[in-house]
mmCIF file of all heavy atoms, coordinates in Angstrom:
data_MODEL
# 
_entry.id   MODEL 
# 
loop_
_atom_site.group_PDB 
_atom_site.id 
_atom_site.type_symbol 
_atom_site.label_atom_id 
_atom_site.label_alt_id 
_atom_site.label_comp_id 
_atom_site.label_asym_id 
_atom_site.label_entity_id 
_atom_site.label_seq_id 
_atom_site.pdbx_PDB_ins_code 
_atom_site.Cartn_x 
_atom_site.Cartn_y 
_atom_site.Cartn_z 
_atom_site.occupancy 
_atom_site.B_iso_or_equiv 
_atom_site.pdbx_formal_charge 
_atom_site.auth_seq_id 
_atom_site.auth_comp_id 
_atom_site.auth_asym_id 
_atom_site.auth_atom_id 
_atom_site.pdbx_PDB_model_num 
ATOM 1   N N   . GLU A 1 1  ? 98.521  102.528 100.514 1.00 0.00 ? 1  GLU A N   1 
ATOM 2   C CA  . GLU A 1 1  ? 98.154  101.216 101.046 1.00 0.00 ? 1  GLU A CA  1 
ATOM 3   C C   . GLU A 1 1  ? 98.873  100.928 102.363 1.00 0.00 ? 1  GLU A C   1 
ATOM 4   O O   . GLU A 1 1  ? 98.312  100.277 103.253 1.00 0.00 ? 1  GLU A O   1 
ATOM 5   C CB  . GLU A 1 1  ? 98.477  100.119 100.029 1.00 0.00 ? 1  GLU A CB  1 
ATOM 6   C CG  . GLU A 1 1  ? 97.531  100.113 98.845  1.00 0.00 ? 1  GLU A CG  1 
ATOM 7   C CD  . GLU A 1 1  ? 97.832  98.997  97.868  1.00 0.00 ? 1  GLU A CD  1 
ATOM 8   O OE1 . GLU A 1 1  ? 98.165  97.869  98.304  1.00 0.00 ? 1  GLU A OE1 1 
ATOM 9   O OE2 . GLU A 1 1  ? 97.721  99.257  96.654  1.00 0.00 ? 1  GLU A OE2 1 
ATOM 10  N N   . GLU A 1 2  ? 100.088 101.404 102.504 1.00 0.00 ? 2  GLU A N   1 
ATOM 11  C CA  . GLU A 1 2  ? 100.848 101.187 103.735 1.00 0.00 ? 2  GLU A CA  1 
ATOM 12  C C   . GLU A 1 2  ? 100.156 101.833 104.935 1.00 0.00 ? 2  GLU A C   1 
ATOM 13  O O   . GLU A 1 2  ? 100.204 101.326 106.049 1.00 0.00 ? 2  GLU A O   1 
ATOM 14  C CB  . GLU A 1 2  ? 102.279 101.730 103.600 1.00 0.00 ? 2  GLU A CB  1 
ATOM 15  C CG  . GLU A 1 2  ? 103.135 100.976 102.601 1.00 0.00 ? 2  GLU A CG  1 
ATOM 16  C CD  . GLU A 1 2  ? 102.821 101.330 101.133 1.00 0.00 ? 2  GLU A CD  1 
ATOM 17  O OE1 . GLU A 1 2  ? 102.226 102.404 100.852 1.00 0.00 ? 2  GLU A OE1 1 
ATOM 18  O OE2 . GLU A 1 2  ? 103.169 100.519 100.263 1.00 0.00 ? 2  GLU A OE2 1 
ATOM 19  N N   . PHE A 1 3  ? 99.505  102.980 104.680 1.00 0.00 ? 3  PHE A N   1 
ATOM 20  C CA  . PHE A 1 3  ? 98.770  103.654 105.752 1.00 0.00 ? 3  PHE A CA  1 
ATOM 21  C C   . PHE A 1 3  ? 97.594  102.787 106.203 1.00 0.00 ? 3  PHE A C   1 
ATOM 22  O O   . PHE A 1 3  ? 97.354  102.609 107.402 1.00 0.00 ? 3  PHE A O   1 
ATOM 23  C CB  . PHE A 1 3  ? 98.278  105.027 105.279 1.00 0.00 ? 3  PHE A CB  1 
ATOM 24  C CG  . PHE A 1 3  ? 97.542  105.801 106.340 1.00 0.00 ? 3  PHE A CG  1 
ATOM 25  C CD1 . PHE A 1 3  ? 98.225  106.412 107.383 1.00 0.00 ? 3  PHE A CD1 1 
ATOM 26  C CD2 . PHE A 1 3  ? 96.156  105.917 106.303 1.00 0.00 ? 3  PHE A CD2 1 
ATOM 27  C CE1 . PHE A 1 3  ? 97.552  107.123 108.361 1.00 0.00 ? 3  PHE A CE1 1 
ATOM 28  C CE2 . PHE A 1 3  ? 95.473  106.621 107.280 1.00 0.00 ? 3  PHE A CE2 1 
ATOM 29  C CZ  . PHE A 1 3  ? 96.170  107.224 108.315 1.00 0.00 ? 3  PHE A CZ  1 
ATOM 30  N N   . VAL A 1 4  ? 96.865  102.212 105.240 1.00 0.00 ? 4  VAL A N   1 
ATOM 31  C CA  . VAL A 1 4  ? 95.735  101.329 105.569 1.00 0.00 ? 4  VAL A CA  1 
ATOM 32  C C   . VAL A 1 4  ? 96.245  100.120 106.346 1.00 0.00 ? 4  VAL A C   1 
ATOM 33  O O   . VAL A 1 4  ? 95.643  99.714  107.343 1.00 0.00 ? 4  VAL A O   1 
ATOM 34  C CB  . VAL A 1 4  ? 94.974  100.887 104.300 1.00 0.00 ? 4  VAL A CB  1 
ATOM 35  C CG1 . VAL A 1 4  ? 93.878  99.885  104.648 1.00 0.00 ? 4  VAL A CG1 1 
ATOM 36  C CG2 . VAL A 1 4  ? 94.402  102.086 103.568 1.00 0.00 ? 4  VAL A CG2 1 
ATOM 37  N N   . ALA A 1 5  ? 97.354  99.546  105.903 1.00 0.00 ? 5  ALA A N   1 
ATOM 38  C CA  . ALA A 1 5  ? 97.932  98.386  106.588 1.00 0.00 ? 5  ALA A CA  1 
ATOM 39  C C   . ALA A 1 5  ? 98.291  98.736  108.027 1.00 0.00 ? 5  ALA A C   1 
ATOM 40  O O   . ALA A 1 5  ? 98.089  97.927  108.941 1.00 0.00 ? 5  ALA A O   1 
ATOM 41  C CB  . ALA A 1 5  ? 99.154  97.883  105.833 1.00 0.00 ? 5  ALA A CB  1 
ATOM 42  N N   . ARG A 1 6  ? 98.811  99.949  108.247 1.00 0.00 ? 6  ARG A N   1 
ATOM 43  C CA  . ARG A 1 6  ? 99.162  100.382 109.604 1.00 0.00 ? 6  ARG A CA  1 
ATOM 44  C C   . ARG A 1 6  ? 97.913  100.511 110.477 1.00 0.00 ? 6  ARG A C   1 
ATOM 45  O O   . ARG A 1 6  ? 97.893  100.076 111.633 1.00 0.00 ? 6  ARG A O   1 
ATOM 46  C CB  . ARG A 1 6  ? 99.925  101.710 109.567 1.00 0.00 ? 6  ARG A CB  1 
ATOM 47  C CG  . ARG A 1 6  ? 100.519 102.046 110.943 1.00 0.00 ? 6  ARG A CG  1 
ATOM 48  C CD  . ARG A 1 6  ? 101.274 103.340 110.941 1.00 0.00 ? 6  ARG A CD  1 
ATOM 49  N NE  . ARG A 1 6  ? 100.303 104.394 111.234 1.00 0.00 ? 6  ARG A NE  1 
ATOM 50  C CZ  . ARG A 1 6  ? 100.341 105.615 110.750 1.00 0.00 ? 6  ARG A CZ  1 
ATOM 51  N NH1 . ARG A 1 6  ? 101.297 105.972 109.939 1.00 0.00 ? 6  ARG A NH1 1 
ATOM 52  N NH2 . ARG A 1 6  ? 99.431  106.494 111.083 1.00 0.00 ? 6  ARG A NH2 1 
ATOM 53  N N   . VAL A 1 7  ? 96.839  101.104 109.916 1.00 0.00 ? 7  VAL A N   1 
ATOM 54  C CA  . VAL A 1 7  ? 95.577  101.229 110.663 1.00 0.00 ? 7  VAL A CA  1 
ATOM 55  C C   . VAL A 1 7  ? 95.076  99.839  111.039 1.00 0.00 ? 7  VAL A C   1 
ATOM 56  O O   . VAL A 1 7  ? 94.693  99.577  112.179 1.00 0.00 ? 7  VAL A O   1 
ATOM 57  C CB  . VAL A 1 7  ? 94.504  101.986 109.846 1.00 0.00 ? 7  VAL A CB  1 
ATOM 58  C CG1 . VAL A 1 7  ? 93.158  101.959 110.557 1.00 0.00 ? 7  VAL A CG1 1 
ATOM 59  C CG2 . VAL A 1 7  ? 94.953  103.413 109.563 1.00 0.00 ? 7  VAL A CG2 1 
ATOM 60  N N   . ARG A 1 8  ? 95.085  98.936  110.069 1.00 0.00 ? 8  ARG A N   1 
ATOM 61  C CA  . ARG A 1 8  ? 94.620  97.559  110.303 1.00 0.00 ? 8  ARG A CA  1 
ATOM 62  C C   . ARG A 1 8  ? 95.428  96.901  111.424 1.00 0.00 ? 8  ARG A C   1 
ATOM 63  O O   . ARG A 1 8  ? 94.866  96.307  112.334 1.00 0.00 ? 8  ARG A O   1 
ATOM 64  C CB  . ARG A 1 8  ? 94.771  96.775  108.995 1.00 0.00 ? 8  ARG A CB  1 
ATOM 65  C CG  . ARG A 1 8  ? 94.200  95.390  109.023 1.00 0.00 ? 8  ARG A CG  1 
ATOM 66  C CD  . ARG A 1 8  ? 94.521  94.627  107.736 1.00 0.00 ? 8  ARG A CD  1 
ATOM 67  N NE  . ARG A 1 8  ? 93.934  95.177  106.542 1.00 0.00 ? 8  ARG A NE  1 
ATOM 68  C CZ  . ARG A 1 8  ? 92.732  94.873  106.072 1.00 0.00 ? 8  ARG A CZ  1 
ATOM 69  N NH1 . ARG A 1 8  ? 91.969  94.028  106.731 1.00 0.00 ? 8  ARG A NH1 1 
ATOM 70  N NH2 . ARG A 1 8  ? 92.290  95.413  104.954 1.00 0.00 ? 8  ARG A NH2 1 
ATOM 71  N N   . ALA A 1 9  ? 96.747  97.041  111.362 1.00 0.00 ? 9  ALA A N   1 
ATOM 72  C CA  . ALA A 1 9  ? 97.613  96.435  112.373 1.00 0.00 ? 9  ALA A CA  1 
ATOM 73  C C   . ALA A 1 9  ? 97.383  97.057  113.748 1.00 0.00 ? 9  ALA A C   1 
ATOM 74  O O   . ALA A 1 9  ? 97.296  96.343  114.755 1.00 0.00 ? 9  ALA A O   1 
ATOM 75  C CB  . ALA A 1 9  ? 99.075  96.582  111.967 1.00 0.00 ? 9  ALA A CB  1 
ATOM 76  N N   . GLU A 1 10 ? 97.263  98.378  113.811 1.00 0.00 ? 10 GLU A N   1 
ATOM 77  C CA  . GLU A 1 10 ? 97.050  99.057  115.092 1.00 0.00 ? 10 GLU A CA  1 
ATOM 78  C C   . GLU A 1 10 ? 95.693  98.710  115.707 1.00 0.00 ? 10 GLU A C   1 
ATOM 79  O O   . GLU A 1 10 ? 95.543  98.731  116.923 1.00 0.00 ? 10 GLU A O   1 
ATOM 80  C CB  . GLU A 1 10 ? 97.182  100.566 114.915 1.00 0.00 ? 10 GLU A CB  1 
ATOM 81  C CG  . GLU A 1 10 ? 98.614  101.005 114.684 1.00 0.00 ? 10 GLU A CG  1 
ATOM 82  C CD  . GLU A 1 10 ? 98.745  102.502 114.411 1.00 0.00 ? 10 GLU A CD  1 
ATOM 83  O OE1 . GLU A 1 10 ? 97.732  103.231 114.461 1.00 0.00 ? 10 GLU A OE1 1 
ATOM 84  O OE2 . GLU A 1 10 ? 99.887  102.935 114.148 1.00 0.00 ? 10 GLU A OE2 1 
ATOM 85  N N   . GLN A 1 11 ? 94.717  98.381  114.861 1.00 0.00 ? 11 GLN A N   1 
ATOM 86  C CA  . GLN A 1 11 ? 93.396  97.983  115.350 1.00 0.00 ? 11 GLN A CA  1 
ATOM 87  C C   . GLN A 1 11 ? 93.365  96.495  115.705 1.00 0.00 ? 11 GLN A C   1 
ATOM 88  O O   . GLN A 1 11 ? 92.353  95.990  116.181 1.00 0.00 ? 11 GLN A O   1 
ATOM 89  C CB  . GLN A 1 11 ? 92.319  98.292  114.302 1.00 0.00 ? 11 GLN A CB  1 
ATOM 90  C CG  . GLN A 1 11 ? 92.168  99.762  113.977 1.00 0.00 ? 11 GLN A CG  1 
ATOM 91  C CD  . GLN A 1 11 ? 91.622  100.552 115.148 1.00 0.00 ? 11 GLN A CD  1 
ATOM 92  O OE1 . GLN A 1 11 ? 90.685  100.132 115.810 1.00 0.00 ? 11 GLN A OE1 1 
ATOM 93  N NE2 . GLN A 1 11 ? 92.216  101.697 115.405 1.00 0.00 ? 11 GLN A NE2 1 
ATOM 94  N N   . GLY A 1 12 ? 94.448  95.774  115.428 1.00 0.00 ? 12 GLY A N   1 
ATOM 95  C CA  . GLY A 1 12 ? 94.520  94.350  115.731 1.00 0.00 ? 12 GLY A CA  1 
ATOM 96  C C   . GLY A 1 12 ? 93.627  93.509  114.830 1.00 0.00 ? 12 GLY A C   1 
ATOM 97  O O   . GLY A 1 12 ? 93.125  92.462  115.244 1.00 0.00 ? 12 GLY A O   1 
ATOM 98  N N   . LEU A 1 13 ? 93.438  93.957  113.591 1.00 0.00 ? 13 LEU A N   1 
ATOM 99  C CA  . LEU A 1 13 ? 92.537  93.277  112.664 1.00 0.00 ? 13 LEU A CA  1 
ATOM 100 C C   . LEU A 1 13 ? 93.305  92.392  111.699 1.00 0.00 ? 13 LEU A C   1 
ATOM 101 O O   . LEU A 1 13 ? 94.455  92.670  111.381 1.00 0.00 ? 13 LEU A O   1 
ATOM 102 C CB  . LEU A 1 13 ? 91.714  94.311  111.897 1.00 0.00 ? 13 LEU A CB  1 
ATOM 103 C CG  . LEU A 1 13 ? 90.791  95.166  112.770 1.00 0.00 ? 13 LEU A CG  1 
ATOM 104 C CD1 . LEU A 1 13 ? 90.200  96.305  111.961 1.00 0.00 ? 13 LEU A CD1 1 
ATOM 105 C CD2 . LEU A 1 13 ? 89.702  94.305  113.386 1.00 0.00 ? 13 LEU A CD2 1 
ATOM 106 N N   . PRO A 1 14 ? 92.648  91.315  111.197 1.00 0.00 ? 14 PRO A N   1 
ATOM 107 C CA  . PRO A 1 14 ? 93.330  90.404  110.285 1.00 0.00 ? 14 PRO A CA  1 
ATOM 108 C C   . PRO A 1 14 ? 93.578  91.035  108.920 1.00 0.00 ? 14 PRO A C   1 
ATOM 109 O O   . PRO A 1 14 ? 92.883  91.968  108.522 1.00 0.00 ? 14 PRO A O   1 
ATOM 110 C CB  . PRO A 1 14 ? 92.349  89.230  110.162 1.00 0.00 ? 14 PRO A CB  1 
ATOM 111 C CG  . PRO A 1 14 ? 91.019  89.817  110.458 1.00 0.00 ? 14 PRO A CG  1 
ATOM 112 C CD  . PRO A 1 14 ? 91.271  90.897  111.478 1.00 0.00 ? 14 PRO A CD  1 
ATOM 113 N N   . ALA A 1 15 ? 94.536  90.506  108.216 1.00 0.00 ? 15 ALA A N   1 
ATOM 114 C CA  . ALA A 1 15 ? 94.870  90.982  106.876 1.00 0.00 ? 15 ALA A CA  1 
ATOM 115 C C   . ALA A 1 15 ? 93.780  90.593  105.885 1.00 0.00 ? 15 ALA A C   1 
ATOM 116 O O   . ALA A 1 15 ? 93.007  89.663  106.116 1.00 0.00 ? 15 ALA A O   1 
ATOM 117 C CB  . ALA A 1 15 ? 96.205  90.393  106.438 1.00 0.00 ? 15 ALA A CB  1 
ATOM 118 N N   . PHE A 1 16 ? 93.726  91.324  104.791 1.00 0.00 ? 16 PHE A N   1 
ATOM 119 C CA  . PHE A 1 16 ? 92.811  91.024  103.699 1.00 0.00 ? 16 PHE A CA  1 
ATOM 120 C C   . PHE A 1 16 ? 93.146  89.651  103.125 1.00 0.00 ? 16 PHE A C   1 
ATOM 121 O O   . PHE A 1 16 ? 94.302  89.289  102.999 1.00 0.00 ? 16 PHE A O   1 
ATOM 122 C CB  . PHE A 1 16 ? 92.949  92.098  102.617 1.00 0.00 ? 16 PHE A CB  1 
ATOM 123 C CG  . PHE A 1 16 ? 92.273  91.761  101.320 1.00 0.00 ? 16 PHE A CG  1 
ATOM 124 C CD1 . PHE A 1 16 ? 90.889  91.743  101.237 1.00 0.00 ? 16 PHE A CD1 1 
ATOM 125 C CD2 . PHE A 1 16 ? 93.006  91.459  100.190 1.00 0.00 ? 16 PHE A CD2 1 
ATOM 126 C CE1 . PHE A 1 16 ? 90.256  91.446  100.049 1.00 0.00 ? 16 PHE A CE1 1 
ATOM 127 C CE2 . PHE A 1 16 ? 92.384  91.165  99.003  1.00 0.00 ? 16 PHE A CE2 1 
ATOM 128 C CZ  . PHE A 1 16 ? 91.007  91.148  98.925  1.00 0.00 ? 16 PHE A CZ  1 
ATOM 129 N N   . SER A 1 17 ? 92.115  88.876  102.778 1.00 0.00 ? 17 SER A N   1 
ATOM 130 C CA  . SER A 1 17 ? 92.299  87.547  102.214 1.00 0.00 ? 17 SER A CA  1 
ATOM 131 C C   . SER A 1 17 ? 91.603  87.470  100.867 1.00 0.00 ? 17 SER A C   1 
ATOM 132 O O   . SER A 1 17 ? 90.383  87.377  100.798 1.00 0.00 ? 17 SER A O   1 
ATOM 133 C CB  . SER A 1 17 ? 91.722  86.502  103.177 1.00 0.00 ? 17 SER A CB  1 
ATOM 134 O OG  . SER A 1 17 ? 91.807  85.223  102.617 1.00 0.00 ? 17 SER A OG  1 
ATOM 135 N N   . ALA A 1 18 ? 92.377  87.534  99.785  1.00 0.00 ? 18 ALA A N   1 
ATOM 136 C CA  . ALA A 1 18 ? 91.806  87.495  98.436  1.00 0.00 ? 18 ALA A CA  1 
ATOM 137 C C   . ALA A 1 18 ? 91.043  86.193  98.227  1.00 0.00 ? 18 ALA A C   1 
ATOM 138 O O   . ALA A 1 18 ? 91.435  85.143  98.712  1.00 0.00 ? 18 ALA A O   1 
ATOM 139 C CB  . ALA A 1 18 ? 92.916  87.612  97.400  1.00 0.00 ? 18 ALA A CB  1 
ATOM 140 N N   . GLY A 1 19 ? 89.950  86.262  97.518  1.00 0.00 ? 19 GLY A N   1 
ATOM 141 C CA  . GLY A 1 19 ? 89.149  85.082  97.235  1.00 0.00 ? 19 GLY A CA  1 
ATOM 142 C C   . GLY A 1 19 ? 88.080  84.791  98.268  1.00 0.00 ? 19 GLY A C   1 
ATOM 143 O O   . GLY A 1 19 ? 87.240  83.930  98.093  1.00 0.00 ? 19 GLY A O   1 
ATOM 144 N N   . ARG A 1 20 ? 88.077  85.495  99.358  1.00 0.00 ? 20 ARG A N   1 
ATOM 145 C CA  . ARG A 1 20 ? 87.116  85.259  100.423 1.00 0.00 ? 20 ARG A CA  1 
ATOM 146 C C   . ARG A 1 20 ? 85.697  85.598  99.974  1.00 0.00 ? 20 ARG A C   1 
ATOM 147 O O   . ARG A 1 20 ? 84.739  84.917  100.318 1.00 0.00 ? 20 ARG A O   1 
ATOM 148 C CB  . ARG A 1 20 ? 87.505  86.098  101.632 1.00 0.00 ? 20 ARG A CB  1 
ATOM 149 C CG  . ARG A 1 20 ? 86.785  85.713  102.871 1.00 0.00 ? 20 ARG A CG  1 
ATOM 150 C CD  . ARG A 1 20 ? 87.540  86.222  104.080 1.00 0.00 ? 20 ARG A CD  1 
ATOM 151 N NE  . ARG A 1 20 ? 86.756  85.985  105.244 1.00 0.00 ? 20 ARG A NE  1 
ATOM 152 C CZ  . ARG A 1 20 ? 86.681  84.825  105.865 1.00 0.00 ? 20 ARG A CZ  1 
ATOM 153 N NH1 . ARG A 1 20 ? 87.364  83.817  105.450 1.00 0.00 ? 20 ARG A NH1 1 
ATOM 154 N NH2 . ARG A 1 20 ? 85.916  84.687  106.922 1.00 0.00 ? 20 ARG A NH2 1 
ATOM 155 N N   . ARG A 1 21 ? 85.533  86.654  99.173  1.00 0.00 ? 21 ARG A N   1 
ATOM 156 C CA  . ARG A 1 21 ? 84.212  87.049  98.701  1.00 0.00 ? 21 ARG A CA  1 
ATOM 157 C C   . ARG A 1 21 ? 83.601  85.948  97.840  1.00 0.00 ? 21 ARG A C   1 
ATOM 158 O O   . ARG A 1 21 ? 82.437  85.620  97.967  1.00 0.00 ? 21 ARG A O   1 
ATOM 159 C CB  . ARG A 1 21 ? 84.298  88.366  97.924  1.00 0.00 ? 21 ARG A CB  1 
ATOM 160 C CG  . ARG A 1 21 ? 82.955  88.812  97.404  1.00 0.00 ? 21 ARG A CG  1 
ATOM 161 C CD  . ARG A 1 21 ? 82.956  90.257  97.033  1.00 0.00 ? 21 ARG A CD  1 
ATOM 162 N NE  . ARG A 1 21 ? 83.092  91.018  98.263  1.00 0.00 ? 21 ARG A NE  1 
ATOM 163 C CZ  . ARG A 1 21 ? 83.647  92.204  98.347  1.00 0.00 ? 21 ARG A CZ  1 
ATOM 164 N NH1 . ARG A 1 21 ? 84.117  92.783  97.284  1.00 0.00 ? 21 ARG A NH1 1 
ATOM 165 N NH2 . ARG A 1 21 ? 83.740  92.838  99.487  1.00 0.00 ? 21 ARG A NH2 1 
ATOM 166 N N   . ALA A 1 22 ? 84.399  85.322  96.965  1.00 0.00 ? 22 ALA A N   1 
ATOM 167 C CA  . ALA A 1 22 ? 83.900  84.237  96.124  1.00 0.00 ? 22 ALA A CA  1 
ATOM 168 C C   . ALA A 1 22 ? 83.433  83.072  96.990  1.00 0.00 ? 22 ALA A C   1 
ATOM 169 O O   . ALA A 1 22 ? 82.391  82.478  96.733  1.00 0.00 ? 22 ALA A O   1 
ATOM 170 C CB  . ALA A 1 22 ? 84.977  83.782  95.150  1.00 0.00 ? 22 ALA A CB  1 
ATOM 171 N N   . ARG A 1 23 ? 84.184  82.754  98.034  1.00 0.00 ? 23 ARG A N   1 
ATOM 172 C CA  . ARG A 1 23 ? 83.799  81.675  98.942  1.00 0.00 ? 23 ARG A CA  1 
ATOM 173 C C   . ARG A 1 23 ? 82.465  81.998  99.585  1.00 0.00 ? 23 ARG A C   1 
ATOM 174 O O   . ARG A 1 23 ? 81.574  81.167  99.650  1.00 0.00 ? 23 ARG A O   1 
ATOM 175 C CB  . ARG A 1 23 ? 84.873  81.477  100.015 1.00 0.00 ? 23 ARG A CB  1 
ATOM 176 C CG  . ARG A 1 23 ? 84.481  80.412  101.027 1.00 0.00 ? 23 ARG A CG  1 
ATOM 177 C CD  . ARG A 1 23 ? 85.426  80.423  102.241 1.00 0.00 ? 23 ARG A CD  1 
ATOM 178 N NE  . ARG A 1 23 ? 85.101  79.390  103.178 1.00 0.00 ? 23 ARG A NE  1 
ATOM 179 C CZ  . ARG A 1 23 ? 84.117  79.480  104.075 1.00 0.00 ? 23 ARG A CZ  1 
ATOM 180 N NH1 . ARG A 1 23 ? 83.368  80.553  104.135 1.00 0.00 ? 23 ARG A NH1 1 
ATOM 181 N NH2 . ARG A 1 23 ? 83.866  78.497  104.907 1.00 0.00 ? 23 ARG A NH2 1 
ATOM 182 N N   . ARG A 1 24 ? 82.312  83.224  100.081 1.00 0.00 ? 24 ARG A N   1 
ATOM 183 C CA  . ARG A 1 24 ? 81.070  83.630  100.734 1.00 0.00 ? 24 ARG A CA  1 
ATOM 184 C C   . ARG A 1 24 ? 79.888  83.488  99.784  1.00 0.00 ? 24 ARG A C   1 
ATOM 185 O O   . ARG A 1 24 ? 78.830  82.996  100.161 1.00 0.00 ? 24 ARG A O   1 
ATOM 186 C CB  . ARG A 1 24 ? 81.183  85.060  101.240 1.00 0.00 ? 24 ARG A CB  1 
ATOM 187 C CG  . ARG A 1 24 ? 79.951  85.486  102.046 1.00 0.00 ? 24 ARG A CG  1 
ATOM 188 C CD  . ARG A 1 24 ? 79.972  86.949  102.397 1.00 0.00 ? 24 ARG A CD  1 
ATOM 189 N NE  . ARG A 1 24 ? 79.692  87.705  101.191 1.00 0.00 ? 24 ARG A NE  1 
ATOM 190 C CZ  . ARG A 1 24 ? 80.220  88.876  100.896 1.00 0.00 ? 24 ARG A CZ  1 
ATOM 191 N NH1 . ARG A 1 24 ? 81.068  89.444  101.711 1.00 0.00 ? 24 ARG A NH1 1 
ATOM 192 N NH2 . ARG A 1 24 ? 79.916  89.498  99.779  1.00 0.00 ? 24 ARG A NH2 1 
ATOM 193 N N   . GLU A 1 25 ? 80.061  83.922  98.536  1.00 0.00 ? 25 GLU A N   1 
ATOM 194 C CA  . GLU A 1 25 ? 78.970  83.840  97.568  1.00 0.00 ? 25 GLU A CA  1 
ATOM 195 C C   . GLU A 1 25 ? 78.578  82.398  97.271  1.00 0.00 ? 25 GLU A C   1 
ATOM 196 O O   . GLU A 1 25 ? 77.391  82.090  97.149  1.00 0.00 ? 25 GLU A O   1 
ATOM 197 C CB  . GLU A 1 25 ? 79.359  84.581  96.288  1.00 0.00 ? 25 GLU A CB  1 
ATOM 198 C CG  . GLU A 1 25 ? 79.394  86.091  96.504  1.00 0.00 ? 25 GLU A CG  1 
ATOM 199 C CD  . GLU A 1 25 ? 80.020  86.858  95.353  1.00 0.00 ? 25 GLU A CD  1 
ATOM 200 O OE1 . GLU A 1 25 ? 80.432  86.226  94.353  1.00 0.00 ? 25 GLU A OE1 1 
ATOM 201 O OE2 . GLU A 1 25 ? 80.096  88.096  95.472  1.00 0.00 ? 25 GLU A OE2 1 
ATOM 202 N N   . VAL A 1 26 ? 79.547  81.487  97.182  1.00 0.00 ? 26 VAL A N   1 
ATOM 203 C CA  . VAL A 1 26 ? 79.256  80.070  96.940  1.00 0.00 ? 26 VAL A CA  1 
ATOM 204 C C   . VAL A 1 26 ? 78.497  79.485  98.125  1.00 0.00 ? 26 VAL A C   1 
ATOM 205 O O   . VAL A 1 26 ? 77.499  78.779  97.955  1.00 0.00 ? 26 VAL A O   1 
ATOM 206 C CB  . VAL A 1 26 ? 80.565  79.277  96.677  1.00 0.00 ? 26 VAL A CB  1 
ATOM 207 C CG1 . VAL A 1 26 ? 80.332  77.779  96.741  1.00 0.00 ? 26 VAL A CG1 1 
ATOM 208 C CG2 . VAL A 1 26 ? 81.164  79.675  95.342  1.00 0.00 ? 26 VAL A CG2 1 
ATOM 209 N N   . VAL A 1 27 ? 78.946  79.789  99.336  1.00 0.00 ? 27 VAL A N   1 
ATOM 210 C CA  . VAL A 1 27 ? 78.299  79.265  100.541 1.00 0.00 ? 27 VAL A CA  1 
ATOM 211 C C   . VAL A 1 27 ? 76.878  79.812  100.658 1.00 0.00 ? 27 VAL A C   1 
ATOM 212 O O   . VAL A 1 27 ? 75.937  79.068  100.955 1.00 0.00 ? 27 VAL A O   1 
ATOM 213 C CB  . VAL A 1 27 ? 79.141  79.598  101.800 1.00 0.00 ? 27 VAL A CB  1 
ATOM 214 C CG1 . VAL A 1 27 ? 78.380  79.270  103.075 1.00 0.00 ? 27 VAL A CG1 1 
ATOM 215 C CG2 . VAL A 1 27 ? 80.465  78.848  101.758 1.00 0.00 ? 27 VAL A CG2 1 
ATOM 216 N N   . GLU A 1 28 ? 76.683  81.105  100.412 1.00 0.00 ? 28 GLU A N   1 
ATOM 217 C CA  . GLU A 1 28 ? 75.345  81.689  100.502 1.00 0.00 ? 28 GLU A CA  1 
ATOM 218 C C   . GLU A 1 28 ? 74.409  81.109  99.445  1.00 0.00 ? 28 GLU A C   1 
ATOM 219 O O   . GLU A 1 28 ? 73.236  80.851  99.722  1.00 0.00 ? 28 GLU A O   1 
ATOM 220 C CB  . GLU A 1 28 ? 75.428  83.211  100.395 1.00 0.00 ? 28 GLU A CB  1 
ATOM 221 C CG  . GLU A 1 28 ? 76.039  83.836  101.631 1.00 0.00 ? 28 GLU A CG  1 
ATOM 222 C CD  . GLU A 1 28 ? 76.191  85.341  101.553 1.00 0.00 ? 28 GLU A CD  1 
ATOM 223 O OE1 . GLU A 1 28 ? 75.773  85.951  100.539 1.00 0.00 ? 28 GLU A OE1 1 
ATOM 224 O OE2 . GLU A 1 28 ? 76.728  85.922  102.510 1.00 0.00 ? 28 GLU A OE2 1 
ATOM 225 N N   . ALA A 1 29 ? 74.901  80.863  98.238  1.00 0.00 ? 29 ALA A N   1 
ATOM 226 C CA  . ALA A 1 29 ? 74.072  80.260  97.189  1.00 0.00 ? 29 ALA A CA  1 
ATOM 227 C C   . ALA A 1 29 ? 73.663  78.842  97.584  1.00 0.00 ? 29 ALA A C   1 
ATOM 228 O O   . ALA A 1 29 ? 72.510  78.436  97.375  1.00 0.00 ? 29 ALA A O   1 
ATOM 229 C CB  . ALA A 1 29 ? 74.821  80.252  95.861  1.00 0.00 ? 29 ALA A CB  1 
# 
């Protein structure tokens, strides 16, 4: 997981946010 975190950081991408998928599904419904 640390390797993935390093790739994410080097790409300048935001961290994973738990619960985001549930929010998306509620909004889409």
